[in-house]
Structures are given as structure tokens and as C-alpha cells.
Amino acid sequence: MREEHGTGRFFRCLLPRAFHVELVHCDQEQNIHIYRATPRGAG
């Protein structure tokens, strides 16, 4: 993840305030992280 852009902090700290966040795919060689986010209270 592009830590220099604050991406990790966004997914670890900011997004979970309003969404349930799940890492669904990670490829460290390609630096690809795919997340699923659903609103809190949905469902």
C-alpha cells in the first residue's frame, strides 16, 4: 500500500468509523489490496 499517500491509515483508521472493512485480496508483489466496505448499520 502507498503509505506515503496515507492509504494505509485511511483503510485502518478512517474508513472503519463509518464502514465495516474487509481485505478480500492482497498481492504484495504487485502492491494490490482490494477491500470490501459496507456501511455500518446496513443489513
C-alpha atoms as a PDB file:
ATOM      1  CA  MET A   1       0.000   0.000   0.000  1.00  0.00           C
ATOM      2  CA  ARG A   2       1.141   3.540  -0.636  1.00  0.00           C
ATOM      3  CA  GLU A   3       1.915   4.648   2.903  1.00  0.00           C
ATOM      4  CA  GLU A   4       3.420   7.877   1.576  1.00  0.00           C
ATOM      5  CA  HIS A   5      -0.104   8.817   0.441  1.00  0.00           C
ATOM      6  CA  GLY A   6      -1.739   7.819   3.735  1.00  0.00           C
ATOM      7  CA  THR A   7      -3.630   4.946   2.129  1.00  0.00           C
ATOM      8  CA  GLY A   8      -2.969   2.511   4.961  1.00  0.00           C
ATOM      9  CA  ARG A   9      -4.175   4.972   7.585  1.00  0.00           C
ATOM     10  CA  PHE A  10      -7.326   5.604   5.548  1.00  0.00           C
ATOM     11  CA  PHE A  11      -8.253   1.901   5.456  1.00  0.00           C
ATOM     12  CA  ARG A  12      -7.127   1.133   9.046  1.00  0.00           C
ATOM     13  CA  CYS A  13      -8.377   4.231  10.868  1.00  0.00           C
ATOM     14  CA  LEU A  14     -10.719   6.473   8.916  1.00  0.00           C
ATOM     15  CA  LEU A  15     -12.901   4.197   6.789  1.00  0.00           C
ATOM     16  CA  PRO A  16     -13.840   1.819   9.660  1.00  0.00           C
ATOM     17  CA  ARG A  17     -15.525   4.701  11.501  1.00  0.00           C
ATOM     18  CA  ALA A  18     -18.412   4.539   9.028  1.00  0.00           C
ATOM     19  CA  PHE A  19     -17.947   1.175   7.284  1.00  0.00           C
ATOM     20  CA  HIS A  20     -17.206  -2.452   8.011  1.00  0.00           C
ATOM     21  CA  VAL A  21     -13.977  -3.005   6.075  1.00  0.00           C
ATOM     22  CA  GLU A  22     -12.669  -6.391   4.928  1.00  0.00           C
ATOM     23  CA  LEU A  23      -9.485  -7.080   2.978  1.00  0.00           C
ATOM     24  CA  VAL A  24     -10.563  -9.531   0.276  1.00  0.00           C
ATOM     25  CA  HIS A  25      -7.374  -9.758  -1.805  1.00  0.00           C
ATOM     26  CA  CYS A  26      -3.747  -8.819  -1.245  1.00  0.00           C
ATOM     27  CA  ASP A  27      -0.837  -9.189  -3.671  1.00  0.00           C
ATOM     28  CA  GLN A  28       2.309  -7.797  -2.051  1.00  0.00           C
ATOM     29  CA  GLU A  29       4.416  -8.266  -5.207  1.00  0.00           C
ATOM     30  CA  GLN A  30       2.055  -6.135  -7.298  1.00  0.00           C
ATOM     31  CA  ASN A  31       1.164  -3.851  -4.345  1.00  0.00           C
ATOM     32  CA  ILE A  32      -2.549  -4.578  -4.824  1.00  0.00           C
ATOM     33  CA  HIS A  33      -5.022  -4.502  -1.939  1.00  0.00           C
ATOM     34  CA  ILE A  34      -8.740  -4.963  -2.617  1.00  0.00           C
ATOM     35  CA  TYR A  35     -11.223  -4.149   0.133  1.00  0.00           C
ATOM     36  CA  ARG A  36     -14.943  -4.675   0.623  1.00  0.00           C
ATOM     37  CA  ALA A  37     -16.663  -1.886   2.534  1.00  0.00           C
ATOM     38  CA  THR A  38     -20.278  -1.935   3.711  1.00  0.00           C
ATOM     39  CA  PRO A  39     -21.987   0.836   5.661  1.00  0.00           C
ATOM     40  CA  ARG A  40     -22.279   0.282   9.402  1.00  0.00           C
ATOM     41  CA  GLY A  41     -25.868  -0.429  10.337  1.00  0.00           C
ATOM     42  CA  ALA A  42     -26.732  -1.766   6.881  1.00  0.00           C
ATOM     43  CA  GLY A  43     -28.487  -5.067   6.548  1.00  0.00           C
END
